[in-house]
Each structure stands twice: as structure tokens, then as C-alpha cells.
Amino acid sequence: MRLKVDTLSNATVVPTSAVQRGPAGTFSYVIGDGDIVAAKPVVVTQQNETDAVIASGLSPSDRVVTTGLPICQMAQKSSSAGRSRHRRPI
């Protein structure tokens, strides 16, 4: 059962698969200029099995990597697969 308590307006929401955890904290791989992948630190305020609400670290226009994460390397050029833009209330 789920109970709706509040609606977050203008929240940046990404798929849970876009949020990674490492020794330096929580981050997401983002596809930047020239389709180059870079890790960006993020702060997650809420997360469920499908979505994560990002408090800081990502902008709504960022393209996040959701698949192929084991082969992601810093400064690696990305293909178009696994890119996602999300911005919606959760």
C-alpha cells in the first residue's frame, strides 16, 4: 500500500538505476558536451524502487546514464543508449 503525503513541485527525478554509490559518496554518470561521460556527485532526498529525487548535483537538462554502468569510464565517449531526461513530481 502507498499513501501520498506530499507532491514535490519542480523536483529533479531520475531512474534509481542512474544513482550510484561509491567510496566518495553518491553520484550519477552524466553525458556532457561531445557525448563524454563524467561522474557528478548528487544528493538524493527520496528514493524508491524506480525513481530517485535529486536535491542537488543534477539539472533537469542533464543526460544521465542508466545502463551499461560496469563499462562506464571517466571521459569515455557515450553512445545514445541509456540516456534519460526526467523531471516530474514523485
N, C-alpha and C. Protein backbone atom coordinates (compact mmCIF):
# COMPACT_ATOMS: atom_id res chain seq x y z
N MET A 1 0.84 -1.16 0.00
CA MET A 1 0.00 0.00 0.00
C MET A 1 0.90 1.23 0.00
N ARG A 2 0.47 2.25 -0.73
CA ARG A 2 1.18 3.52 -0.75
C ARG A 2 0.22 4.63 -0.35
N LEU A 3 0.76 5.57 0.38
CA LEU A 3 -0.02 6.71 0.83
C LEU A 3 0.68 7.96 0.35
N LYS A 4 -0.02 8.77 -0.42
CA LYS A 4 0.55 10.02 -0.92
C LYS A 4 0.50 11.06 0.19
N VAL A 5 1.68 11.56 0.56
CA VAL A 5 1.78 12.51 1.64
C VAL A 5 1.99 13.92 1.12
N ASP A 6 2.82 14.05 0.08
CA ASP A 6 3.17 15.37 -0.43
C ASP A 6 3.56 15.25 -1.89
N THR A 7 3.39 16.34 -2.62
CA THR A 7 3.85 16.41 -4.00
C THR A 7 5.00 17.40 -4.06
N LEU A 8 6.11 16.96 -4.62
CA LEU A 8 7.28 17.82 -4.77
C LEU A 8 7.21 18.51 -6.12
N SER A 9 7.05 19.82 -6.12
CA SER A 9 6.98 20.54 -7.39
C SER A 9 8.39 20.88 -7.86
N ASN A 10 8.57 20.84 -9.16
CA ASN A 10 9.86 21.14 -9.80
C ASN A 10 11.00 20.27 -9.29
N ALA A 11 10.69 19.05 -8.91
CA ALA A 11 11.73 18.12 -8.44
C ALA A 11 12.46 17.52 -9.63
N THR A 12 13.76 17.33 -9.48
CA THR A 12 14.54 16.61 -10.48
C THR A 12 14.51 15.14 -10.09
N VAL A 13 13.91 14.32 -10.96
CA VAL A 13 13.73 12.90 -10.68
C VAL A 13 14.43 12.11 -11.78
N VAL A 14 15.22 11.12 -11.37
CA VAL A 14 15.91 10.24 -12.31
C VAL A 14 15.58 8.80 -11.95
N PRO A 15 15.77 7.88 -12.89
CA PRO A 15 15.59 6.47 -12.54
C PRO A 15 16.59 6.07 -11.45
N THR A 16 16.18 5.20 -10.56
CA THR A 16 17.06 4.73 -9.50
C THR A 16 18.35 4.16 -10.06
N SER A 17 18.28 3.55 -11.23
CA SER A 17 19.48 2.97 -11.85
C SER A 17 20.53 4.01 -12.22
N ALA A 18 20.16 5.29 -12.25
CA ALA A 18 21.11 6.36 -12.56
C ALA A 18 21.90 6.81 -11.33
N VAL A 19 21.50 6.36 -10.14
CA VAL A 19 22.18 6.75 -8.90
C VAL A 19 23.15 5.65 -8.49
N GLN A 20 24.41 6.03 -8.32
CA GLN A 20 25.46 5.10 -7.94
C GLN A 20 26.03 5.49 -6.59
N ARG A 21 26.60 4.53 -5.91
CA ARG A 21 27.25 4.80 -4.62
C ARG A 21 28.66 4.28 -4.66
N GLY A 22 29.59 5.10 -4.17
CA GLY A 22 30.99 4.72 -4.14
C GLY A 22 31.66 5.23 -2.89
N PRO A 23 32.97 5.03 -2.76
CA PRO A 23 33.69 5.47 -1.57
C PRO A 23 33.59 6.97 -1.31
N ALA A 24 33.45 7.74 -2.38
CA ALA A 24 33.35 9.20 -2.23
C ALA A 24 31.92 9.68 -2.04
N GLY A 25 30.94 8.76 -2.06
CA GLY A 25 29.55 9.14 -1.85
C GLY A 25 28.67 8.79 -3.04
N THR A 26 27.52 9.45 -3.11
CA THR A 26 26.52 9.19 -4.14
C THR A 26 26.81 10.04 -5.37
N PHE A 27 26.67 9.43 -6.56
CA PHE A 27 26.95 10.15 -7.80
C PHE A 27 26.13 9.58 -8.94
N SER A 28 26.10 10.30 -10.04
CA SER A 28 25.48 9.83 -11.28
C SER A 28 26.45 10.07 -12.42
N TYR A 29 26.44 9.16 -13.38
CA TYR A 29 27.20 9.39 -14.61
C TYR A 29 26.35 10.26 -15.51
N VAL A 30 26.95 11.34 -16.01
CA VAL A 30 26.24 12.31 -16.85
C VAL A 30 26.96 12.40 -18.20
N ILE A 31 26.17 12.47 -19.26
CA ILE A 31 26.73 12.63 -20.60
C ILE A 31 26.79 14.12 -20.90
N GLY A 32 28.00 14.63 -21.06
CA GLY A 32 28.19 16.07 -21.27
C GLY A 32 28.49 16.42 -22.71
N ASP A 33 29.11 17.58 -22.88
CA ASP A 33 29.47 18.06 -24.21
C ASP A 33 30.33 17.03 -24.94
N GLY A 34 30.08 16.86 -26.21
CA GLY A 34 30.82 15.90 -27.00
C GLY A 34 30.50 14.46 -26.65
N ASP A 35 29.37 14.25 -25.96
CA ASP A 35 28.94 12.92 -25.51
C ASP A 35 29.99 12.22 -24.65
N ILE A 36 30.69 12.99 -23.81
CA ILE A 36 31.69 12.45 -22.90
C ILE A 36 31.04 12.20 -21.54
N VAL A 37 31.28 11.02 -20.97
CA VAL A 37 30.71 10.63 -19.68
C VAL A 37 31.57 11.14 -18.54
N ALA A 38 30.92 11.72 -17.53
CA ALA A 38 31.61 12.19 -16.32
C ALA A 38 30.74 11.88 -15.11
N ALA A 39 31.38 11.60 -13.98
CA ALA A 39 30.65 11.36 -12.73
C ALA A 39 30.38 12.70 -12.05
N LYS A 40 29.14 12.90 -11.58
CA LYS A 40 28.78 14.10 -10.84
C LYS A 40 28.23 13.70 -9.49
N PRO A 41 28.75 14.28 -8.41
CA PRO A 41 28.19 13.99 -7.08
C PRO A 41 26.75 14.48 -7.01
N VAL A 42 25.88 13.70 -6.37
CA VAL A 42 24.48 14.08 -6.21
C VAL A 42 24.04 13.87 -4.77
N VAL A 43 23.01 14.61 -4.38
CA VAL A 43 22.37 14.43 -3.07
C VAL A 43 20.96 13.93 -3.35
N VAL A 44 20.65 12.74 -2.83
CA VAL A 44 19.33 12.13 -3.02
C VAL A 44 18.49 12.38 -1.77
N THR A 45 17.28 12.92 -1.96
CA THR A 45 16.41 13.17 -0.81
C THR A 45 15.40 12.06 -0.59
N GLN A 46 14.93 11.45 -1.68
CA GLN A 46 13.97 10.34 -1.59
C GLN A 46 14.29 9.36 -2.71
N GLN A 47 14.04 8.10 -2.43
CA GLN A 47 14.27 7.08 -3.45
C GLN A 47 13.35 5.90 -3.20
N ASN A 48 12.82 5.35 -4.29
CA ASN A 48 12.06 4.11 -4.19
C ASN A 48 12.64 3.12 -5.20
N GLU A 49 11.92 2.07 -5.50
CA GLU A 49 12.49 1.05 -6.39
C GLU A 49 12.64 1.50 -7.83
N THR A 50 12.00 2.60 -8.23
CA THR A 50 12.08 3.04 -9.62
C THR A 50 12.63 4.45 -9.81
N ASP A 51 12.42 5.35 -8.85
CA ASP A 51 12.79 6.76 -9.02
C ASP A 51 13.59 7.28 -7.84
N ALA A 52 14.43 8.28 -8.12
CA ALA A 52 15.20 8.96 -7.08
C ALA A 52 15.02 10.46 -7.26
N VAL A 53 14.74 11.16 -6.17
CA VAL A 53 14.61 12.62 -6.19
C VAL A 53 15.97 13.20 -5.85
N ILE A 54 16.48 14.04 -6.74
CA ILE A 54 17.81 14.63 -6.59
C ILE A 54 17.66 16.05 -6.03
N ALA A 55 18.24 16.30 -4.85
CA ALA A 55 18.18 17.62 -4.23
C ALA A 55 19.22 18.55 -4.84
N SER A 56 20.40 18.00 -5.16
CA SER A 56 21.44 18.83 -5.78
C SER A 56 22.41 17.94 -6.54
N GLY A 57 23.09 18.55 -7.49
CA GLY A 57 24.09 17.84 -8.27
C GLY A 57 23.71 17.64 -9.72
N LEU A 58 22.42 17.61 -10.02
CA LEU A 58 21.96 17.45 -11.40
C LEU A 58 21.00 18.57 -11.75
N SER A 59 20.98 18.91 -13.02
CA SER A 59 19.98 19.86 -13.50
C SER A 59 18.99 19.08 -14.37
N PRO A 60 17.80 19.61 -14.57
CA PRO A 60 16.80 18.89 -15.37
C PRO A 60 17.26 18.60 -16.79
N SER A 61 18.20 19.36 -17.32
CA SER A 61 18.67 19.13 -18.69
C SER A 61 19.80 18.11 -18.77
N ASP A 62 20.35 17.66 -17.63
CA ASP A 62 21.43 16.67 -17.66
C ASP A 62 20.94 15.35 -18.24
N ARG A 63 21.79 14.71 -19.01
CA ARG A 63 21.51 13.38 -19.55
C ARG A 63 22.26 12.38 -18.68
N VAL A 64 21.53 11.51 -18.01
CA VAL A 64 22.15 10.55 -17.09
C VAL A 64 22.24 9.18 -17.73
N VAL A 65 23.26 8.43 -17.33
CA VAL A 65 23.46 7.07 -17.83
C VAL A 65 22.69 6.12 -16.91
N THR A 66 21.87 5.25 -17.51
CA THR A 66 21.07 4.32 -16.73
C THR A 66 21.43 2.86 -17.01
N THR A 67 22.12 2.59 -18.10
CA THR A 67 22.52 1.23 -18.44
C THR A 67 23.97 1.21 -18.88
N GLY A 68 24.58 0.04 -18.84
CA GLY A 68 25.98 -0.09 -19.26
C GLY A 68 26.95 0.46 -18.24
N LEU A 69 26.53 0.57 -16.99
CA LEU A 69 27.37 1.19 -15.96
C LEU A 69 28.67 0.44 -15.70
N PRO A 70 28.73 -0.89 -15.73
CA PRO A 70 30.01 -1.54 -15.45
C PRO A 70 31.12 -1.16 -16.43
N ILE A 71 30.75 -0.70 -17.63
CA ILE A 71 31.78 -0.36 -18.60
C ILE A 71 32.01 1.15 -18.72
N CYS A 72 31.30 1.93 -17.91
CA CYS A 72 31.48 3.38 -17.94
C CYS A 72 32.85 3.74 -17.36
N GLN A 73 33.53 4.60 -18.04
CA GLN A 73 34.80 5.12 -17.56
C GLN A 73 34.77 6.62 -17.73
N MET A 74 35.48 7.31 -16.86
CA MET A 74 35.55 8.77 -16.95
C MET A 74 36.11 9.15 -18.31
N ALA A 75 35.56 10.21 -18.87
CA ALA A 75 36.00 10.77 -20.16
C ALA A 75 35.80 9.81 -21.32
N GLN A 76 34.92 8.84 -21.16
CA GLN A 76 34.60 7.92 -22.24
C GLN A 76 33.48 8.51 -23.08
N LYS A 77 33.59 8.38 -24.39
CA LYS A 77 32.53 8.84 -25.27
C LYS A 77 31.35 7.89 -25.17
N SER A 78 30.14 8.42 -25.12
CA SER A 78 28.94 7.62 -24.94
C SER A 78 28.23 7.38 -26.26
N SER A 79 27.54 6.24 -26.33
CA SER A 79 26.61 6.02 -27.42
C SER A 79 25.26 6.60 -26.96
N SER A 80 24.26 6.57 -27.79
CA SER A 80 22.97 7.15 -27.40
C SER A 80 22.17 6.26 -26.48
N ALA A 81 22.57 5.02 -26.29
CA ALA A 81 21.81 4.09 -25.44
C ALA A 81 21.93 4.48 -23.98
N GLY A 82 20.82 4.34 -23.24
CA GLY A 82 20.84 4.54 -21.80
C GLY A 82 20.76 5.97 -21.34
N ARG A 83 20.42 6.90 -22.24
CA ARG A 83 20.30 8.29 -21.82
C ARG A 83 18.87 8.57 -21.41
N SER A 84 18.72 9.41 -20.42
CA SER A 84 17.38 9.70 -19.92
C SER A 84 17.32 11.12 -19.39
N ARG A 85 16.24 11.80 -19.66
CA ARG A 85 15.97 13.11 -19.06
C ARG A 85 14.66 12.99 -18.32
N HIS A 86 14.70 13.31 -17.03
CA HIS A 86 13.48 13.19 -16.22
C HIS A 86 13.34 14.43 -15.35
N ARG A 87 12.13 14.92 -15.31
CA ARG A 87 11.78 15.98 -14.38
C ARG A 87 10.29 15.93 -14.19
N ARG A 88 9.89 15.36 -13.08
CA ARG A 88 8.45 15.23 -12.82
C ARG A 88 8.24 15.04 -11.33
N PRO A 89 7.05 15.34 -10.84
CA PRO A 89 6.76 15.13 -9.43
C PRO A 89 6.78 13.64 -9.11
N ILE A 90 7.15 13.31 -7.91
CA ILE A 90 7.12 11.92 -7.48
C ILE A 90 6.07 11.75 -6.40
